[in-house]
Amino acid sequence: MHPLIEITTVPIQIEMKVNHANLKYARGSANMEVSRDRGGLHIKSQPIRVNLDTFEARNSILPTPATSIKQAAQKGHQAVYEATAAYAQQGRMKMETKVGQDVIGQIAASSTGVGQDVNVNIEFLPKAGPEIDWQGGEMNIDYQMDKLNFDWRMEKMHFEFTPGDIEISVKQRPEVIIKYVGGPLYVPPSADPNYESTDVEV
């Protein structure tokens, strides 16, 4: 006996479309300013310095009034010391005089300088040399390179964000198809033209 019903199922058909998220950057313009700081070369030079002091040398040749007064005072003191020493020596000689000794002649000879070394007052001028002092030279070199300054000015950056989405569409709805594949049904069964009686005659 064959089945009378044929059942067919049709599955659902879905179409899915995905749009990804997107981030776009809108470029802005940038400005740059360049400025220059100029350097330079600076040289500072100080030559050697010589200090020459000739005061003492000139003063020994042509004394100043103050030096002349000082020298005259020293000579006066020296003359007093020498005269005092001479008078003391003469007085001692007179006190120690012996009979027959020519004391007066000795005193006269010592006073006149007979038989003694004579000082002719020879001096070498100038008596003192110049005082020489010096300070070393100096040189300073300062070099600075040029400097470049960069100033960037950028506009505000813009970003555009597109969120992602999912689109779902149903192309085919699910179905269940029931199909009767059998023949026609007669009620009562005897109405069927091909009906064969199954009754048994007695």
C-alpha atoms as a PDB file:
ATOM      1  CA  MET A   1       0.000   0.000   0.000  1.00  0.00           C
ATOM      2  CA  HIS A   2       1.461   3.370  -1.016  1.00  0.00           C
ATOM      3  CA  PRO A   3       1.428   6.426   1.263  1.00  0.00           C
ATOM      4  CA  LEU A   4      -1.481   8.706   0.628  1.00  0.00           C
ATOM      5  CA  ILE A   5       0.138  11.938   1.892  1.00  0.00           C
ATOM      6  CA  GLU A   6       3.376  13.573   0.754  1.00  0.00           C
ATOM      7  CA  ILE A   7       4.792  16.200   3.120  1.00  0.00           C
ATOM      8  CA  THR A   8       7.363  18.691   1.826  1.00  0.00           C
ATOM      9  CA  THR A   9       9.098  21.294   4.030  1.00  0.00           C
ATOM     10  CA  VAL A  10      10.532  24.515   2.605  1.00  0.00           C
ATOM     11  CA  PRO A  11      13.230  26.046   4.911  1.00  0.00           C
ATOM     12  CA  ILE A  12      13.420  29.731   5.691  1.00  0.00           C
ATOM     13  CA  GLN A  13      15.797  31.780   3.542  1.00  0.00           C
ATOM     14  CA  ILE A  14      17.471  34.764   5.240  1.00  0.00           C
ATOM     15  CA  GLU A  15      19.807  37.328   3.678  1.00  0.00           C
ATOM     16  CA  MET A  16      22.115  39.180   6.066  1.00  0.00           C
ATOM     17  CA  LYS A  17      24.033  42.332   5.088  1.00  0.00           C
ATOM     18  CA  VAL A  18      26.671  43.699   7.439  1.00  0.00           C
ATOM     19  CA  ASN A  19      27.940  47.287   7.229  1.00  0.00           C
ATOM     20  CA  HIS A  20      31.164  47.717   9.194  1.00  0.00           C
ATOM     21  CA  ALA A  21      31.846  50.717  11.391  1.00  0.00           C
ATOM     22  CA  ASN A  22      33.875  53.428   9.688  1.00  0.00           C
ATOM     23  CA  LEU A  23      36.053  56.213  11.098  1.00  0.00           C
ATOM     24  CA  LYS A  24      37.088  58.942   8.675  1.00  0.00           C
ATOM     25  CA  TYR A  25      39.676  61.580   9.391  1.00  0.00           C
ATOM     26  CA  ALA A  26      39.150  64.933   7.728  1.00  0.00           C
ATOM     27  CA  ARG A  27      42.563  66.397   7.160  1.00  0.00           C
ATOM     28  CA  GLY A  28      43.132  69.952   8.242  1.00  0.00           C
ATOM     29  CA  SER A  29      45.688  72.409   6.996  1.00  0.00           C
ATOM     30  CA  ALA A  30      48.868  73.207   8.891  1.00  0.00           C
ATOM     31  CA  ASN A  31      50.893  76.412   8.815  1.00  0.00           C
ATOM     32  CA  MET A  32      54.548  76.663   9.733  1.00  0.00           C
ATOM     33  CA  GLU A  33      56.426  79.828  10.581  1.00  0.00           C
ATOM     34  CA  VAL A  34      60.200  79.820  10.581  1.00  0.00           C
ATOM     35  CA  SER A  35      62.128  82.529  12.391  1.00  0.00           C
ATOM     36  CA  ARG A  36      65.888  82.916  12.537  1.00  0.00           C
ATOM     37  CA  ASP A  37      67.974  84.169  15.414  1.00  0.00           C
ATOM     38  CA  ARG A  38      71.291  85.331  14.071  1.00  0.00           C
ATOM     39  CA  GLY A  39      74.401  84.451  16.013  1.00  0.00           C
ATOM     40  CA  GLY A  40      77.758  86.037  15.502  1.00  0.00           C
ATOM     41  CA  LEU A  41      81.421  86.135  16.315  1.00  0.00           C
ATOM     42  CA  HIS A  42      82.588  88.398  19.120  1.00  0.00           C
ATOM     43  CA  ILE A  43      86.302  88.852  19.789  1.00  0.00           C
ATOM     44  CA  LYS A  44      87.534  90.817  22.792  1.00  0.00           C
ATOM     45  CA  SER A  45      91.265  91.453  22.876  1.00  0.00           C
ATOM     46  CA  GLN A  46      93.309  93.109  25.597  1.00  0.00           C
ATOM     47  CA  PRO A  47      97.007  93.540  24.712  1.00  0.00           C
ATOM     48  CA  ILE A  48      99.855  93.089  27.138  1.00  0.00           C
ATOM     49  CA  ARG A  49     100.288  95.973  29.573  1.00  0.00           C
ATOM     50  CA  VAL A  50     103.719  97.142  30.739  1.00  0.00           C
ATOM     51  CA  ASN A  51     104.037  99.378  33.809  1.00  0.00           C
ATOM     52  CA  LEU A  52     107.325 101.321  33.903  1.00  0.00           C
ATOM     53  CA  ASP A  53     108.070 103.242  37.126  1.00  0.00           C
ATOM     54  CA  THR A  54     111.129 105.547  36.823  1.00  0.00           C
ATOM     55  CA  PHE A  55     110.457 107.683  39.880  1.00  0.00           C
ATOM     56  CA  GLU A  56     113.425 106.427  41.906  1.00  0.00           C
ATOM     57  CA  ALA A  57     115.794 106.723  38.917  1.00  0.00           C
ATOM     58  CA  ARG A  58     114.707 110.318  38.207  1.00  0.00           C
ATOM     59  CA  ASN A  59     114.736 111.137  41.906  1.00  0.00           C
ATOM     60  CA  SER A  60     118.359 110.016  42.204  1.00  0.00           C
ATOM     61  CA  ILE A  61     119.391 112.402  39.392  1.00  0.00           C
ATOM     62  CA  LEU A  62     117.085 115.350  40.088  1.00  0.00           C
ATOM     63  CA  PRO A  63     115.664 114.980  43.578  1.00  0.00           C
ATOM     64  CA  THR A  64     112.283 116.363  44.427  1.00  0.00           C
ATOM     65  CA  PRO A  65     112.042 119.051  47.137  1.00  0.00           C
ATOM     66  CA  ALA A  66     110.905 116.497  49.695  1.00  0.00           C
ATOM     67  CA  THR A  67     113.813 114.194  48.801  1.00  0.00           C
ATOM     68  CA  SER A  68     116.281 117.117  48.930  1.00  0.00           C
ATOM     69  CA  ILE A  69     115.124 118.075  52.422  1.00  0.00           C
ATOM     70  CA  LYS A  70     115.380 114.456  53.572  1.00  0.00           C
ATOM     71  CA  GLN A  71     118.906 114.091  52.119  1.00  0.00           C
ATOM     72  CA  ALA A  72     120.030 117.406  53.690  1.00  0.00           C
ATOM     73  CA  ALA A  73     118.725 116.267  57.075  1.00  0.00           C
ATOM     74  CA  GLN A  74     120.570 112.946  56.763  1.00  0.00           C
ATOM     75  CA  LYS A  75     123.785 114.756  55.809  1.00  0.00           C
ATOM     76  CA  GLY A  76     123.381 117.081  58.786  1.00  0.00           C
ATOM     77  CA  HIS A  77     123.005 114.111  61.148  1.00  0.00           C
ATOM     78  CA  GLN A  78     126.012 112.455  59.555  1.00  0.00           C
ATOM     79  CA  ALA A  79     128.106 115.648  59.918  1.00  0.00           C
ATOM     80  CA  VAL A  80     127.154 115.933  63.596  1.00  0.00           C
ATOM     81  CA  TYR A  81     128.101 112.295  64.235  1.00  0.00           C
ATOM     82  CA  GLU A  82     131.428 112.733  62.461  1.00  0.00           C
ATOM     83  CA  ALA A  83     132.242 116.020  64.277  1.00  0.00           C
ATOM     84  CA  THR A  84     131.350 114.482  67.633  1.00  0.00           C
ATOM     85  CA  ALA A  85     133.559 111.488  66.906  1.00  0.00           C
ATOM     86  CA  ALA A  86     136.442 113.761  65.802  1.00  0.00           C
ATOM     87  CA  TYR A  87     136.204 115.950  68.928  1.00  0.00           C
ATOM     88  CA  ALA A  88     136.050 112.878  71.126  1.00  0.00           C
ATOM     89  CA  GLN A  89     139.093 111.404  69.460  1.00  0.00           C
ATOM     90  CA  GLN A  90     141.031 114.699  69.736  1.00  0.00           C
ATOM     91  CA  GLY A  91     140.116 115.032  73.391  1.00  0.00           C
ATOM     92  CA  ARG A  92     141.294 111.489  74.071  1.00  0.00           C
ATOM     93  CA  MET A  93     144.560 112.153  72.261  1.00  0.00           C
ATOM     94  CA  LYS A  94     145.148 115.288  74.346  1.00  0.00           C
ATOM     95  CA  MET A  95     144.432 113.412  77.554  1.00  0.00           C
ATOM     96  CA  GLU A  96     146.863 110.669  76.671  1.00  0.00           C
ATOM     97  CA  THR A  97     149.648 113.017  75.565  1.00  0.00           C
ATOM     98  CA  LYS A  98     153.194 112.006  76.623  1.00  0.00           C
ATOM     99  CA  VAL A  99     156.278 114.140  76.907  1.00  0.00           C
ATOM    100  CA  GLY A 100     157.885 114.661  73.538  1.00  0.00           C
ATOM    101  CA  GLN A 101     154.843 113.529  71.538  1.00  0.00           C
ATOM    102  CA  ASP A 102     153.598 115.894  68.850  1.00  0.00           C
ATOM    103  CA  VAL A 103     149.882 115.694  69.612  1.00  0.00           C
ATOM    104  CA  ILE A 104     149.060 118.991  67.963  1.00  0.00           C
ATOM    105  CA  GLY A 105     150.617 117.843  64.687  1.00  0.00           C
ATOM    106  CA  GLN A 106     148.665 114.583  64.766  1.00  0.00           C
ATOM    107  CA  ILE A 107     145.421 116.445  65.378  1.00  0.00           C
ATOM    108  CA  ALA A 108     146.187 118.858  62.530  1.00  0.00           C
ATOM    109  CA  ALA A 109     147.088 115.985  60.190  1.00  0.00           C
ATOM    110  CA  SER A 110     143.867 114.141  61.042  1.00  0.00           C
ATOM    111  CA  SER A 111     141.873 117.319  60.477  1.00  0.00           C
ATOM    112  CA  THR A 112     143.436 118.061  57.101  1.00  0.00           C
ATOM    113  CA  GLY A 113     143.292 114.428  55.981  1.00  0.00           C
ATOM    114  CA  VAL A 114     147.022 114.099  55.333  1.00  0.00           C
ATOM    115  CA  GLY A 115     147.978 110.453  54.986  1.00  0.00           C
ATOM    116  CA  GLN A 116     144.341 109.292  54.859  1.00  0.00           C
ATOM    117  CA  ASP A 117     142.060 108.127  52.093  1.00  0.00           C
ATOM    118  CA  VAL A 118     140.260 111.039  50.552  1.00  0.00           C
ATOM    119  CA  ASN A 119     136.598 110.687  49.522  1.00  0.00           C
ATOM    120  CA  VAL A 120     136.060 112.745  46.367  1.00  0.00           C
ATOM    121  CA  ASN A 121     132.280 112.060  46.401  1.00  0.00           C
ATOM    122  CA  ILE A 122     132.123 110.149  43.105  1.00  0.00           C
ATOM    123  CA  GLU A 123     128.672 108.589  42.588  1.00  0.00           C
ATOM    124  CA  PHE A 124     127.132 106.627  39.741  1.00  0.00           C
ATOM    125  CA  LEU A 125     123.862 108.023  38.527  1.00  0.00           C
ATOM    126  CA  PRO A 126     121.103 107.016  38.475  1.00  0.00           C
ATOM    127  CA  LYS A 127     121.401 105.191  41.745  1.00  0.00           C
ATOM    128  CA  ALA A 128     118.272 103.084  41.157  1.00  0.00           C
ATOM    129  CA  GLY A 129     116.936 101.507  37.995  1.00  0.00           C
ATOM    130  CA  PRO A 130     113.349 101.693  36.782  1.00  0.00           C
ATOM    131  CA  GLU A 131     110.754  99.316  38.172  1.00  0.00           C
ATOM    132  CA  ILE A 132     109.187  97.286  35.385  1.00  0.00           C
ATOM    133  CA  ASP A 133     105.946  95.400  35.883  1.00  0.00           C
ATOM    134  CA  TRP A 134     103.685  93.832  33.256  1.00  0.00           C
ATOM    135  CA  GLN A 135     100.284  92.222  32.942  1.00  0.00           C
ATOM    136  CA  GLY A 136      99.635  89.483  30.424  1.00  0.00           C
ATOM    137  CA  GLY A 137      97.333  90.010  27.463  1.00  0.00           C
ATOM    138  CA  GLU A 138      93.949  88.356  27.085  1.00  0.00           C
ATOM    139  CA  MET A 139      91.794  87.347  24.147  1.00  0.00           C
ATOM    140  CA  ASN A 140      88.203  86.069  24.406  1.00  0.00           C
ATOM    141  CA  ILE A 141      86.395  84.600  21.404  1.00  0.00           C
ATOM    142  CA  ASP A 142      82.641  84.002  21.627  1.00  0.00           C
ATOM    143  CA  TYR A 143      80.917  82.364  18.681  1.00  0.00           C
ATOM    144  CA  GLN A 144      77.219  81.507  18.536  1.00  0.00           C
ATOM    145  CA  MET A 145      75.599  79.704  15.647  1.00  0.00           C
ATOM    146  CA  ASP A 146      72.376  80.849  14.051  1.00  0.00           C
ATOM    147  CA  LYS A 147      69.184  79.353  15.474  1.00  0.00           C
ATOM    148  CA  LEU A 148      66.072  78.385  13.547  1.00  0.00           C
ATOM    149  CA  ASN A 149      62.716  78.418  15.351  1.00  0.00           C
ATOM    150  CA  PHE A 150      59.825  76.404  13.889  1.00  0.00           C
ATOM    151  CA  ASP A 151      56.282  77.320  14.929  1.00  0.00           C
ATOM    152  CA  TRP A 152      53.616  74.833  13.813  1.00  0.00           C
ATOM    153  CA  ARG A 153      50.015  75.966  13.723  1.00  0.00           C
ATOM    154  CA  MET A 154      47.517  73.201  12.967  1.00  0.00           C
ATOM    155  CA  GLU A 155      43.787  73.531  12.640  1.00  0.00           C
ATOM    156  CA  LYS A 156      41.446  71.389  14.654  1.00  0.00           C
ATOM    157  CA  MET A 157      41.304  67.801  13.433  1.00  0.00           C
ATOM    158  CA  HIS A 158      37.875  66.397  12.505  1.00  0.00           C
ATOM    159  CA  PHE A 159      36.801  62.774  12.730  1.00  0.00           C
ATOM    160  CA  GLU A 160      33.621  61.332  11.221  1.00  0.00           C
ATOM    161  CA  PHE A 161      32.408  58.088  12.743  1.00  0.00           C
ATOM    162  CA  THR A 162      29.820  55.905  11.047  1.00  0.00           C
ATOM    163  CA  PRO A 163      28.547  53.136  13.331  1.00  0.00           C
ATOM    164  CA  GLY A 164      28.164  49.638  11.938  1.00  0.00           C
ATOM    165  CA  ASP A 165      24.763  47.980  11.315  1.00  0.00           C
ATOM    166  CA  ILE A 166      23.313  44.639  10.296  1.00  0.00           C
ATOM    167  CA  GLU A 167      20.443  44.304   7.815  1.00  0.00           C
ATOM    168  CA  ILE A 168      18.459  41.066   7.862  1.00  0.00           C
ATOM    169  CA  SER A 169      15.873  40.324   5.190  1.00  0.00           C
ATOM    170  CA  VAL A 170      13.754  37.165   4.810  1.00  0.00           C
ATOM    171  CA  LYS A 171      13.807  35.959   1.221  1.00  0.00           C
ATOM    172  CA  GLN A 172      11.758  32.795   1.787  1.00  0.00           C
ATOM    173  CA  ARG A 173       9.368  32.049   4.610  1.00  0.00           C
ATOM    174  CA  PRO A 174       9.356  28.505   5.999  1.00  0.00           C
ATOM    175  CA  GLU A 175       6.537  26.325   4.649  1.00  0.00           C
ATOM    176  CA  VAL A 176       5.177  22.827   5.105  1.00  0.00           C
ATOM    177  CA  ILE A 177       3.450  21.475   1.984  1.00  0.00           C
ATOM    178  CA  ILE A 178       1.131  18.545   2.514  1.00  0.00           C
ATOM    179  CA  LYS A 179       0.066  16.864  -0.645  1.00  0.00           C
ATOM    180  CA  TYR A 180      -2.425  14.042  -0.914  1.00  0.00           C
ATOM    181  CA  VAL A 181      -1.126  11.574  -3.425  1.00  0.00           C
ATOM    182  CA  GLY A 182      -3.781   8.900  -3.060  1.00  0.00           C
ATOM    183  CA  GLY A 183      -6.930   8.375  -5.153  1.00  0.00           C
ATOM    184  CA  PRO A 184     -10.411   9.729  -4.547  1.00  0.00           C
ATOM    185  CA  LEU A 185     -12.326   8.464  -1.568  1.00  0.00           C
ATOM    186  CA  TYR A 186     -15.950   7.344  -2.117  1.00  0.00           C
ATOM    187  CA  VAL A 187     -18.495   7.293   0.611  1.00  0.00           C
ATOM    188  CA  PRO A 188     -19.842   4.803   0.789  1.00  0.00           C
ATOM    189  CA  PRO A 189     -17.085   2.727  -0.749  1.00  0.00           C
ATOM    190  CA  SER A 190     -19.614   1.027  -3.041  1.00  0.00           C
ATOM    191  CA  ALA A 191     -19.911   4.244  -4.981  1.00  0.00           C
ATOM    192  CA  ASP A 192     -16.463   3.607  -6.420  1.00  0.00           C
ATOM    193  CA  PRO A 193     -16.807   2.433 -10.045  1.00  0.00           C
ATOM    194  CA  ASN A 194     -13.987   0.008  -9.445  1.00  0.00           C
ATOM    195  CA  TYR A 195     -15.490  -1.238  -6.293  1.00  0.00           C
ATOM    196  CA  GLU A 196     -15.298  -4.907  -5.798  1.00  0.00           C
ATOM    197  CA  SER A 197     -17.525  -6.408  -3.218  1.00  0.00           C
ATOM    198  CA  THR A 198     -15.871  -8.463  -0.617  1.00  0.00           C
ATOM    199  CA  ASP A 199     -19.101 -10.032   0.590  1.00  0.00           C
ATOM    200  CA  VAL A 200     -19.331 -13.864   0.371  1.00  0.00           C
ATOM    201  CA  GLU A 201     -22.518 -15.294  -0.951  1.00  0.00           C
ATOM    202  CA  VAL A 202     -23.914 -18.219   0.999  1.00  0.00           C
END
